[in-house]
């Protein structure tokens, strides 16, 4: 398929995934690295309470909070 035809399909909202080789696709700078952080029990309890309120995991909540803080600091 020519790039022009591919772009036209993409721009019109057609499903183009059949034309892609996703076997080696990756998201730059999205690789994970495990870290361990020790928090006081009261912090963990408050984080868990907020995570339950929002219906997400502790890990998901902490990831969002850290990312938001880093983005705010970068501005």
PDB file of N, CA and C in Angstrom:
ATOM      1  N   UNK A   1       0.852  -1.179   0.000  1.00  0.00           N
ATOM      2  CA  UNK A   1       0.000   0.000   0.000  1.00  0.00           C
ATOM      3  C   UNK A   1       0.893   1.237   0.000  1.00  0.00           C
ATOM      4  N   UNK A   2       0.530   2.180  -0.780  1.00  0.00           N
ATOM      5  CA  UNK A   2       1.284   3.424  -0.848  1.00  0.00           C
ATOM      6  C   UNK A   2       0.960   4.283   0.376  1.00  0.00           C
ATOM      7  N   UNK A   3       1.918   5.087   0.770  1.00  0.00           N
ATOM      8  CA  UNK A   3       1.750   5.949   1.941  1.00  0.00           C
ATOM      9  C   UNK A   3       0.541   6.864   1.784  1.00  0.00           C
ATOM     10  N   UNK A   4       0.319   7.335   0.578  1.00  0.00           N
ATOM     11  CA  UNK A   4      -0.806   8.235   0.300  1.00  0.00           C
ATOM     12  C   UNK A   4      -2.137   7.535   0.614  1.00  0.00           C
ATOM     13  N   UNK A   5      -2.253   6.259   0.186  1.00  0.00           N
ATOM     14  CA  UNK A   5      -3.479   5.490   0.434  1.00  0.00           C
ATOM     15  C   UNK A   5      -3.636   5.172   1.918  1.00  0.00           C
ATOM     16  N   UNK A   6      -2.516   4.853   2.558  1.00  0.00           N
ATOM     17  CA  UNK A   6      -2.529   4.565   3.995  1.00  0.00           C
ATOM     18  C   UNK A   6      -2.998   5.792   4.777  1.00  0.00           C
ATOM     19  N   UNK A   7      -2.448   6.938   4.439  1.00  0.00           N
ATOM     20  CA  UNK A   7      -2.814   8.182   5.120  1.00  0.00           C
ATOM     21  C   UNK A   7      -4.294   8.512   4.909  1.00  0.00           C
ATOM     22  N   UNK A   8      -4.787   8.274   3.709  1.00  0.00           N
ATOM     23  CA  UNK A   8      -6.197   8.544   3.419  1.00  0.00           C
ATOM     24  C   UNK A   8      -7.094   7.666   4.293  1.00  0.00           C
ATOM     25  N   UNK A   9      -6.756   6.370   4.401  1.00  0.00           N
ATOM     26  CA  UNK A   9      -7.532   5.461   5.248  1.00  0.00           C
ATOM     27  C   UNK A   9      -7.497   5.935   6.701  1.00  0.00           C
ATOM     28  N   UNK A  10      -6.325   6.322   7.161  1.00  0.00           N
ATOM     29  CA  UNK A  10      -6.179   6.795   8.536  1.00  0.00           C
ATOM     30  C   UNK A  10      -7.014   8.045   8.776  1.00  0.00           C
ATOM     31  N   UNK A  11      -6.913   8.993   7.874  1.00  0.00           N
ATOM     32  CA  UNK A  11      -7.614  10.269   8.021  1.00  0.00           C
ATOM     33  C   UNK A  11      -9.134  10.113   7.988  1.00  0.00           C
ATOM     34  N   UNK A  12      -9.625   9.104   7.272  1.00  0.00           N
ATOM     35  CA  UNK A  12     -11.078   8.895   7.199  1.00  0.00           C
ATOM     36  C   UNK A  12     -11.574   8.010   8.337  1.00  0.00           C
ATOM     37  N   UNK A  13     -10.662   7.571   9.206  1.00  0.00           N
ATOM     38  CA  UNK A  13     -11.066   6.800  10.374  1.00  0.00           C
ATOM     39  C   UNK A  13     -11.184   5.308  10.135  1.00  0.00           C
ATOM     40  N   UNK A  14     -10.717   4.836   8.987  1.00  0.00           N
ATOM     41  CA  UNK A  14     -10.762   3.398   8.719  1.00  0.00           C
ATOM     42  C   UNK A  14      -9.789   2.671   9.640  1.00  0.00           C
ATOM     43  N   UNK A  15     -10.090   1.399   9.911  1.00  0.00           N
ATOM     44  CA  UNK A  15      -9.208   0.576  10.731  1.00  0.00           C
ATOM     45  C   UNK A  15      -7.986   0.202   9.895  1.00  0.00           C
ATOM     46  N   UNK A  16      -6.827   0.665  10.314  1.00  0.00           N
ATOM     47  CA  UNK A  16      -5.593   0.421   9.553  1.00  0.00           C
ATOM     48  C   UNK A  16      -4.701  -0.618  10.204  1.00  0.00           C
ATOM     49  N   UNK A  17      -5.142  -1.202  11.300  1.00  0.00           N
ATOM     50  CA  UNK A  17      -4.270  -2.126  12.041  1.00  0.00           C
ATOM     51  C   UNK A  17      -3.861  -3.339  11.216  1.00  0.00           C
ATOM     52  N   UNK A  18      -4.685  -3.760  10.273  1.00  0.00           N
ATOM     53  CA  UNK A  18      -4.318  -4.906   9.429  1.00  0.00           C
ATOM     54  C   UNK A  18      -3.101  -4.587   8.553  1.00  0.00           C
ATOM     55  N   UNK A  19      -2.819  -3.329   8.370  1.00  0.00           N
ATOM     56  CA  UNK A  19      -1.705  -2.912   7.516  1.00  0.00           C
ATOM     57  C   UNK A  19      -0.440  -2.594   8.326  1.00  0.00           C
ATOM     58  N   UNK A  20      -0.480  -2.839   9.614  1.00  0.00           N
ATOM     59  CA  UNK A  20       0.652  -2.514  10.475  1.00  0.00           C
ATOM     60  C   UNK A  20       1.312  -3.783  11.000  1.00  0.00           C
ATOM     61  N   UNK A  21       2.618  -3.752  11.172  1.00  0.00           N
ATOM     62  CA  UNK A  21       3.359  -4.833  11.822  1.00  0.00           C
ATOM     63  C   UNK A  21       3.601  -4.397  13.263  1.00  0.00           C
ATOM     64  N   UNK A  22       2.791  -4.897  14.180  1.00  0.00           N
ATOM     65  CA  UNK A  22       2.880  -4.489  15.577  1.00  0.00           C
ATOM     66  C   UNK A  22       3.786  -5.392  16.406  1.00  0.00           C
ATOM     67  N   UNK A  23       4.442  -6.346  15.773  1.00  0.00           N
ATOM     68  CA  UNK A  23       5.258  -7.313  16.514  1.00  0.00           C
ATOM     69  C   UNK A  23       6.421  -6.658  17.261  1.00  0.00           C
ATOM     70  N   UNK A  24       6.896  -5.537  16.766  1.00  0.00           N
ATOM     71  CA  UNK A  24       8.014  -4.868  17.428  1.00  0.00           C
ATOM     72  C   UNK A  24       7.655  -3.452  17.875  1.00  0.00           C
ATOM     73  N   UNK A  25       6.372  -3.175  17.954  1.00  0.00           N
ATOM     74  CA  UNK A  25       5.938  -1.843  18.383  1.00  0.00           C
ATOM     75  C   UNK A  25       6.271  -1.640  19.855  1.00  0.00           C
ATOM     76  N   UNK A  26       6.634  -0.419  20.187  1.00  0.00           N
ATOM     77  CA  UNK A  26       6.900  -0.084  21.584  1.00  0.00           C
ATOM     78  C   UNK A  26       6.563   1.377  21.804  1.00  0.00           C
ATOM     79  N   UNK A  27       6.372   1.723  23.053  1.00  0.00           N
ATOM     80  CA  UNK A  27       6.046   3.097  23.415  1.00  0.00           C
ATOM     81  C   UNK A  27       7.295   3.722  24.027  1.00  0.00           C
ATOM     82  N   UNK A  28       7.913   4.674  23.329  1.00  0.00           N
ATOM     83  CA  UNK A  28       9.146   5.286  23.837  1.00  0.00           C
ATOM     84  C   UNK A  28       8.962   5.872  25.231  1.00  0.00           C
ATOM     85  N   UNK A  29       9.928   5.654  26.062  1.00  0.00           N
ATOM     86  CA  UNK A  29       9.964   6.159  27.439  1.00  0.00           C
ATOM     87  C   UNK A  29       8.786   5.690  28.286  1.00  0.00           C
ATOM     88  N   UNK A  30       8.187   4.569  27.903  1.00  0.00           N
ATOM     89  CA  UNK A  30       7.086   4.017  28.674  1.00  0.00           C
ATOM     90  C   UNK A  30       7.463   2.680  29.313  1.00  0.00           C
ATOM     91  N   UNK A  31       8.729   2.279  29.188  1.00  0.00           N
ATOM     92  CA  UNK A  31       9.174   1.057  29.842  1.00  0.00           C
ATOM     93  C   UNK A  31       9.037   1.235  31.347  1.00  0.00           C
ATOM     94  N   UNK A  32       8.752   0.136  32.026  1.00  0.00           N
ATOM     95  CA  UNK A  32       8.572   0.209  33.478  1.00  0.00           C
ATOM     96  C   UNK A  32       9.840  -0.194  34.210  1.00  0.00           C
ATOM     97  N   UNK A  33       9.991   0.353  35.384  1.00  0.00           N
ATOM     98  CA  UNK A  33      11.084  -0.025  36.275  1.00  0.00           C
ATOM     99  C   UNK A  33      10.503  -0.074  37.681  1.00  0.00           C
ATOM    100  N   UNK A  34      10.696  -1.185  38.333  1.00  0.00           N
ATOM    101  CA  UNK A  34      10.152  -1.372  39.675  1.00  0.00           C
ATOM    102  C   UNK A  34      10.976  -0.587  40.690  1.00  0.00           C
ATOM    103  N   UNK A  35      10.272   0.104  41.576  1.00  0.00           N
ATOM    104  CA  UNK A  35      10.907   0.809  42.686  1.00  0.00           C
ATOM    105  C   UNK A  35      10.170   0.448  43.973  1.00  0.00           C
ATOM    106  N   UNK A  36      10.867   0.472  45.052  1.00  0.00           N
ATOM    107  CA  UNK A  36      10.260   0.213  46.358  1.00  0.00           C
ATOM    108  C   UNK A  36      10.382   1.467  47.203  1.00  0.00           C
ATOM    109  N   UNK A  37       9.282   1.841  47.828  1.00  0.00           N
ATOM    110  CA  UNK A  37       9.260   3.020  48.690  1.00  0.00           C
ATOM    111  C   UNK A  37       8.619   2.618  50.006  1.00  0.00           C
ATOM    112  N   UNK A  38       9.254   2.982  51.088  1.00  0.00           N
ATOM    113  CA  UNK A  38       8.683   2.732  52.405  1.00  0.00           C
ATOM    114  C   UNK A  38       7.936   3.970  52.865  1.00  0.00           C
ATOM    115  N   UNK A  39       6.655   3.795  53.204  1.00  0.00           N
ATOM    116  CA  UNK A  39       5.812   4.858  53.722  1.00  0.00           C
ATOM    117  C   UNK A  39       5.393   4.521  55.144  1.00  0.00           C
ATOM    118  N   UNK A  40       5.133   5.516  55.962  1.00  0.00           N
ATOM    119  CA  UNK A  40       4.540   5.242  57.266  1.00  0.00           C
ATOM    120  C   UNK A  40       3.156   4.602  57.066  1.00  0.00           C
ATOM    121  N   UNK A  41       2.740   3.802  58.025  1.00  0.00           N
ATOM    122  CA  UNK A  41       1.463   3.093  57.930  1.00  0.00           C
ATOM    123  C   UNK A  41       0.310   4.059  57.696  1.00  0.00           C
ATOM    124  N   UNK A  42       0.325   5.207  58.371  1.00  0.00           N
ATOM    125  CA  UNK A  42      -0.786   6.139  58.217  1.00  0.00           C
ATOM    126  C   UNK A  42      -0.914   6.653  56.785  1.00  0.00           C
ATOM    127  N   UNK A  43       0.224   6.797  56.077  1.00  0.00           N
ATOM    128  CA  UNK A  43       0.191   7.249  54.688  1.00  0.00           C
ATOM    129  C   UNK A  43      -0.437   6.166  53.812  1.00  0.00           C
ATOM    130  N   UNK A  44      -0.019   4.928  54.016  1.00  0.00           N
ATOM    131  CA  UNK A  44      -0.566   3.815  53.241  1.00  0.00           C
ATOM    132  C   UNK A  44      -2.076   3.703  53.470  1.00  0.00           C
ATOM    133  N   UNK A  45      -2.503   3.865  54.710  1.00  0.00           N
ATOM    134  CA  UNK A  45      -3.931   3.778  55.016  1.00  0.00           C
ATOM    135  C   UNK A  45      -4.718   4.869  54.301  1.00  0.00           C
ATOM    136  N   UNK A  46      -4.186   6.080  54.281  1.00  0.00           N
ATOM    137  CA  UNK A  46      -4.882   7.179  53.601  1.00  0.00           C
ATOM    138  C   UNK A  46      -4.884   6.983  52.083  1.00  0.00           C
ATOM    139  N   UNK A  47      -3.775   6.505  51.541  1.00  0.00           N
ATOM    140  CA  UNK A  47      -3.708   6.226  50.099  1.00  0.00           C
ATOM    141  C   UNK A  47      -4.712   5.133  49.751  1.00  0.00           C
ATOM    142  N   UNK A  48      -4.761   4.076  50.547  1.00  0.00           N
ATOM    143  CA  UNK A  48      -5.700   2.978  50.296  1.00  0.00           C
ATOM    144  C   UNK A  48      -7.146   3.458  50.369  1.00  0.00           C
ATOM    145  N   UNK A  49      -7.439   4.318  51.313  1.00  0.00           N
ATOM    146  CA  UNK A  49      -8.797   4.847  51.451  1.00  0.00           C
ATOM    147  C   UNK A  49      -9.185   5.646  50.208  1.00  0.00           C
ATOM    148  N   UNK A  50      -8.279   6.485  49.728  1.00  0.00           N
ATOM    149  CA  UNK A  50      -8.546   7.289  48.533  1.00  0.00           C
ATOM    150  C   UNK A  50      -8.650   6.392  47.294  1.00  0.00           C
ATOM    151  N   UNK A  51      -7.791   5.378  47.209  1.00  0.00           N
ATOM    152  CA  UNK A  51      -7.847   4.450  46.071  1.00  0.00           C
ATOM    153  C   UNK A  51      -9.189   3.715  46.041  1.00  0.00           C
ATOM    154  N   UNK A  52      -9.654   3.263  47.204  1.00  0.00           N
ATOM    155  CA  UNK A  52     -10.969   2.598  47.269  1.00  0.00           C
ATOM    156  C   UNK A  52     -12.078   3.556  46.857  1.00  0.00           C
ATOM    157  N   UNK A  53     -12.003   4.791  47.319  1.00  0.00           N
ATOM    158  CA  UNK A  53     -13.022   5.788  46.975  1.00  0.00           C
ATOM    159  C   UNK A  53     -13.104   5.987  45.467  1.00  0.00           C
ATOM    160  N   UNK A  54     -11.942   5.992  44.829  1.00  0.00           N
ATOM    161  CA  UNK A  54     -11.885   6.213  43.380  1.00  0.00           C
ATOM    162  C   UNK A  54     -12.072   4.924  42.574  1.00  0.00           C
ATOM    163  N   UNK A  55     -11.993   3.787  43.252  1.00  0.00           N
ATOM    164  CA  UNK A  55     -12.145   2.503  42.568  1.00  0.00           C
ATOM    165  C   UNK A  55     -10.947   2.105  41.744  1.00  0.00           C
ATOM    166  N   UNK A  56      -9.757   2.463  42.225  1.00  0.00           N
ATOM    167  CA  UNK A  56      -8.511   2.105  41.539  1.00  0.00           C
ATOM    168  C   UNK A  56      -7.563   1.438  42.533  1.00  0.00           C
ATOM    169  N   UNK A  57      -6.506   0.880  42.020  1.00  0.00           N
ATOM    170  CA  UNK A  57      -5.522   0.255  42.894  1.00  0.00           C
ATOM    171  C   UNK A  57      -4.613   1.309  43.528  1.00  0.00           C
ATOM    172  N   UNK A  58      -3.968   0.934  44.604  1.00  0.00           N
ATOM    173  CA  UNK A  58      -2.987   1.808  45.263  1.00  0.00           C
ATOM    174  C   UNK A  58      -1.907   2.210  44.266  1.00  0.00           C
ATOM    175  N   UNK A  59      -1.404   1.233  43.524  1.00  0.00           N
ATOM    176  CA  UNK A  59      -0.331   1.499  42.571  1.00  0.00           C
ATOM    177  C   UNK A  59      -0.776   2.482  41.498  1.00  0.00           C
ATOM    178  N   UNK A  60      -1.971   2.297  40.962  1.00  0.00           N
ATOM    179  CA  UNK A  60      -2.475   3.197  39.920  1.00  0.00           C
ATOM    180  C   UNK A  60      -2.587   4.624  40.453  1.00  0.00           C
ATOM    181  N   UNK A  61      -3.107   4.756  41.665  1.00  0.00           N
ATOM    182  CA  UNK A  61      -3.266   6.083  42.257  1.00  0.00           C
ATOM    183  C   UNK A  61      -1.913   6.764  42.463  1.00  0.00           C
ATOM    184  N   UNK A  62      -0.959   6.037  42.988  1.00  0.00           N
ATOM    185  CA  UNK A  62       0.361   6.622  43.221  1.00  0.00           C
ATOM    186  C   UNK A  62       1.046   6.999  41.911  1.00  0.00           C
ATOM    187  N   UNK A  63       0.885   6.179  40.880  1.00  0.00           N
ATOM    188  CA  UNK A  63       1.466   6.510  39.573  1.00  0.00           C
ATOM    189  C   UNK A  63       0.899   7.822  39.043  1.00  0.00           C
ATOM    190  N   UNK A  64      -0.414   7.976  39.145  1.00  0.00           N
ATOM    191  CA  UNK A  64      -1.055   9.198  38.658  1.00  0.00           C
ATOM    192  C   UNK A  64      -0.583  10.391  39.467  1.00  0.00           C
ATOM    193  N   UNK A  65      -0.572  10.261  40.790  1.00  0.00           N
ATOM    194  CA  UNK A  65      -0.154  11.382  41.641  1.00  0.00           C
ATOM    195  C   UNK A  65       1.280  11.814  41.348  1.00  0.00           C
ATOM    196  N   UNK A  66       2.185  10.852  41.217  1.00  0.00           N
ATOM    197  CA  UNK A  66       3.588  11.196  40.951  1.00  0.00           C
ATOM    198  C   UNK A  66       3.710  11.845  39.572  1.00  0.00           C
ATOM    199  N   UNK A  67       3.044  11.278  38.574  1.00  0.00           N
ATOM    200  CA  UNK A  67       3.107  11.841  37.217  1.00  0.00           C
ATOM    201  C   UNK A  67       2.536  13.263  37.190  1.00  0.00           C
ATOM    202  N   UNK A  68       1.412  13.477  37.881  1.00  0.00           N
ATOM    203  CA  UNK A  68       0.836  14.827  37.931  1.00  0.00           C
ATOM    204  C   UNK A  68       1.792  15.822  38.575  1.00  0.00           C
ATOM    205  N   UNK A  69       2.437  15.405  39.639  1.00  0.00           N
ATOM    206  CA  UNK A  69       3.370  16.292  40.333  1.00  0.00           C
ATOM    207  C   UNK A  69       4.568  16.628  39.444  1.00  0.00           C
ATOM    208  N   UNK A  70       5.070  15.636  38.736  1.00  0.00           N
ATOM    209  CA  UNK A  70       6.211  15.869  37.843  1.00  0.00           C
ATOM    210  C   UNK A  70       5.823  16.786  36.684  1.00  0.00           C
ATOM    211  N   UNK A  71       4.624  16.590  36.139  1.00  0.00           N
ATOM    212  CA  UNK A  71       4.162  17.454  35.051  1.00  0.00           C
ATOM    213  C   UNK A  71       3.978  18.893  35.542  1.00  0.00           C
ATOM    214  N   UNK A  72       3.436  19.061  36.727  1.00  0.00           N
ATOM    215  CA  UNK A  72       3.226  20.402  37.276  1.00  0.00           C
ATOM    216  C   UNK A  72       4.555  21.106  37.511  1.00  0.00           C
ATOM    217  N   UNK A  73       5.558  20.363  37.917  1.00  0.00           N
ATOM    218  CA  UNK A  73       6.869  20.941  38.165  1.00  0.00           C
ATOM    219  C   UNK A  73       7.613  21.282  36.897  1.00  0.00           C
ATOM    220  N   UNK A  74       7.265  20.622  35.807  1.00  0.00           N
ATOM    221  CA  UNK A  74       7.948  20.847  34.528  1.00  0.00           C
ATOM    222  C   UNK A  74       7.430  22.075  33.807  1.00  0.00           C
ATOM    223  N   UNK A  75       6.336  22.643  34.275  1.00  0.00           N
ATOM    224  CA  UNK A  75       5.736  23.777  33.556  1.00  0.00           C
ATOM    225  C   UNK A  75       6.323  25.088  33.961  1.00  0.00           C
TER     226      UNK A  75
END
